[in-house]
């Protein structure tokens, strides 16, 4: 009897993922080996297949990291003397 949780898993080839993410196939396989994407070798001969859901999760994580980095850069660009009430106000409202 097949496992119902595995029945709904959509698998992609490394080439499909590479095209979606605009990466080289070797980079996609490296992401799988690093555990950042979920995939496995299946079939005979064994070929890599990557779970589509893990690609979506990876892209969401990358977007969140980019958002946090943008906020960090924005906070570093803030004039702290302006925030603390000391120093010259560079951009008065």
C-alpha atoms as a PDB file:
ATOM      1  CA  UNK A   1       0.000   0.000   0.000  1.00  0.00           C
ATOM      2  CA  UNK A   2       1.627   3.322  -1.038  1.00  0.00           C
ATOM      3  CA  UNK A   3       2.296   6.010   1.517  1.00  0.00           C
ATOM      4  CA  UNK A   4      -0.335   8.743   1.082  1.00  0.00           C
ATOM      5  CA  UNK A   5       2.072  11.504   2.200  1.00  0.00           C
ATOM      6  CA  UNK A   6       4.475  10.673  -0.640  1.00  0.00           C
ATOM      7  CA  UNK A   7       1.726  10.466  -3.256  1.00  0.00           C
ATOM      8  CA  UNK A   8       1.302  14.239  -3.443  1.00  0.00           C
ATOM      9  CA  UNK A   9       5.007  15.073  -3.713  1.00  0.00           C
ATOM     10  CA  UNK A  10       5.951  16.707  -6.985  1.00  0.00           C
ATOM     11  CA  UNK A  11       9.507  16.001  -8.087  1.00  0.00           C
ATOM     12  CA  UNK A  12      11.582  18.151 -10.413  1.00  0.00           C
ATOM     13  CA  UNK A  13      14.791  17.479 -12.282  1.00  0.00           C
ATOM     14  CA  UNK A  14      17.881  19.523 -11.387  1.00  0.00           C
ATOM     15  CA  UNK A  15      17.672  21.116 -14.849  1.00  0.00           C
ATOM     16  CA  UNK A  16      14.120  22.328 -14.167  1.00  0.00           C
ATOM     17  CA  UNK A  17      15.131  23.765 -10.812  1.00  0.00           C
ATOM     18  CA  UNK A  18      18.239  25.346 -12.319  1.00  0.00           C
ATOM     19  CA  UNK A  19      16.131  27.039 -14.982  1.00  0.00           C
ATOM     20  CA  UNK A  20      13.613  28.308 -12.419  1.00  0.00           C
ATOM     21  CA  UNK A  21      16.323  29.673 -10.131  1.00  0.00           C
ATOM     22  CA  UNK A  22      18.701  30.775 -12.915  1.00  0.00           C
ATOM     23  CA  UNK A  23      21.535  28.667 -11.528  1.00  0.00           C
ATOM     24  CA  UNK A  24      23.814  25.998 -12.927  1.00  0.00           C
ATOM     25  CA  UNK A  25      22.719  22.394 -12.458  1.00  0.00           C
ATOM     26  CA  UNK A  26      25.832  21.752 -10.350  1.00  0.00           C
ATOM     27  CA  UNK A  27      24.799  24.559  -7.999  1.00  0.00           C
ATOM     28  CA  UNK A  28      21.341  23.000  -7.589  1.00  0.00           C
ATOM     29  CA  UNK A  29      22.865  19.638  -6.735  1.00  0.00           C
ATOM     30  CA  UNK A  30      25.201  21.383  -4.268  1.00  0.00           C
ATOM     31  CA  UNK A  31      22.130  22.904  -2.571  1.00  0.00           C
ATOM     32  CA  UNK A  32      20.677  19.407  -2.234  1.00  0.00           C
ATOM     33  CA  UNK A  33      23.921  18.044  -0.829  1.00  0.00           C
ATOM     34  CA  UNK A  34      24.064  20.963   1.642  1.00  0.00           C
ATOM     35  CA  UNK A  35      20.526  20.135   2.763  1.00  0.00           C
ATOM     36  CA  UNK A  36      19.082  23.458   1.620  1.00  0.00           C
ATOM     37  CA  UNK A  37      16.869  21.655  -0.923  1.00  0.00           C
ATOM     38  CA  UNK A  38      15.211  18.280  -0.375  1.00  0.00           C
ATOM     39  CA  UNK A  39      16.018  15.744  -3.011  1.00  0.00           C
ATOM     40  CA  UNK A  40      17.223  12.224  -3.649  1.00  0.00           C
ATOM     41  CA  UNK A  41      18.588   9.996  -6.334  1.00  0.00           C
ATOM     42  CA  UNK A  42      15.840   7.756  -7.670  1.00  0.00           C
ATOM     43  CA  UNK A  43      15.495   5.139 -10.369  1.00  0.00           C
ATOM     44  CA  UNK A  44      17.995   3.021 -12.199  1.00  0.00           C
ATOM     45  CA  UNK A  45      20.282   4.534 -13.237  1.00  0.00           C
ATOM     46  CA  UNK A  46      19.979   6.850 -10.275  1.00  0.00           C
ATOM     47  CA  UNK A  47      19.091  10.444 -11.165  1.00  0.00           C
ATOM     48  CA  UNK A  48      18.517  13.421  -8.918  1.00  0.00           C
ATOM     49  CA  UNK A  49      14.969  14.549  -8.227  1.00  0.00           C
ATOM     50  CA  UNK A  50      14.110  17.549  -6.079  1.00  0.00           C
ATOM     51  CA  UNK A  51      10.880  18.216  -4.204  1.00  0.00           C
ATOM     52  CA  UNK A  52       9.026  21.203  -5.643  1.00  0.00           C
ATOM     53  CA  UNK A  53       7.863  22.255  -2.169  1.00  0.00           C
ATOM     54  CA  UNK A  54      11.463  22.496  -0.971  1.00  0.00           C
ATOM     55  CA  UNK A  55      12.263  24.818  -3.889  1.00  0.00           C
ATOM     56  CA  UNK A  56       9.384  27.094  -2.879  1.00  0.00           C
ATOM     57  CA  UNK A  57      10.532  27.032   0.761  1.00  0.00           C
ATOM     58  CA  UNK A  58      14.114  27.804  -0.280  1.00  0.00           C
ATOM     59  CA  UNK A  59      12.986  30.765  -2.391  1.00  0.00           C
ATOM     60  CA  UNK A  60      10.806  32.049   0.468  1.00  0.00           C
ATOM     61  CA  UNK A  61      13.797  31.789   2.824  1.00  0.00           C
ATOM     62  CA  UNK A  62      15.987  33.660   0.344  1.00  0.00           C
ATOM     63  CA  UNK A  63      13.381  36.427   0.008  1.00  0.00           C
ATOM     64  CA  UNK A  64      13.135  36.723   3.804  1.00  0.00           C
ATOM     65  CA  UNK A  65      16.934  36.886   4.106  1.00  0.00           C
ATOM     66  CA  UNK A  66      17.016  39.631   1.450  1.00  0.00           C
ATOM     67  CA  UNK A  67      14.275  41.558   3.278  1.00  0.00           C
ATOM     68  CA  UNK A  68      16.140  41.344   6.579  1.00  0.00           C
ATOM     69  CA  UNK A  69      19.424  42.379   4.938  1.00  0.00           C
ATOM     70  CA  UNK A  70      17.706  45.397   3.365  1.00  0.00           C
ATOM     71  CA  UNK A  71      16.327  46.413   6.764  1.00  0.00           C
ATOM     72  CA  UNK A  72      19.773  45.954   8.304  1.00  0.00           C
ATOM     73  CA  UNK A  73      21.390  48.156   5.627  1.00  0.00           C
ATOM     74  CA  UNK A  74      18.649  50.747   6.104  1.00  0.00           C
ATOM     75  CA  UNK A  75      19.231  50.817   9.851  1.00  0.00           C
ATOM     76  CA  UNK A  76      22.978  51.166   9.327  1.00  0.00           C
ATOM     77  CA  UNK A  77      22.375  54.137   7.041  1.00  0.00           C
ATOM     78  CA  UNK A  78      20.278  55.907   9.686  1.00  0.00           C
ATOM     79  CA  UNK A  79      21.882  58.868  11.375  1.00  0.00           C
ATOM     80  CA  UNK A  80      22.069  57.713  14.965  1.00  0.00           C
ATOM     81  CA  UNK A  81      22.771  61.177  16.390  1.00  0.00           C
ATOM     82  CA  UNK A  82      19.471  62.256  14.822  1.00  0.00           C
ATOM     83  CA  UNK A  83      17.698  59.373  16.515  1.00  0.00           C
ATOM     84  CA  UNK A  84      19.301  60.091  19.895  1.00  0.00           C
ATOM     85  CA  UNK A  85      18.539  63.811  19.792  1.00  0.00           C
ATOM     86  CA  UNK A  86      22.181  64.862  19.579  1.00  0.00           C
ATOM     87  CA  UNK A  87      24.089  66.209  16.609  1.00  0.00           C
ATOM     88  CA  UNK A  88      22.987  67.906  13.457  1.00  0.00           C
ATOM     89  CA  UNK A  89      19.783  66.907  11.689  1.00  0.00           C
ATOM     90  CA  UNK A  90      20.766  66.157   8.088  1.00  0.00           C
ATOM     91  CA  UNK A  91      17.301  65.742   6.577  1.00  0.00           C
ATOM     92  CA  UNK A  92      14.749  67.851   8.439  1.00  0.00           C
ATOM     93  CA  UNK A  93      11.133  67.053   7.675  1.00  0.00           C
END
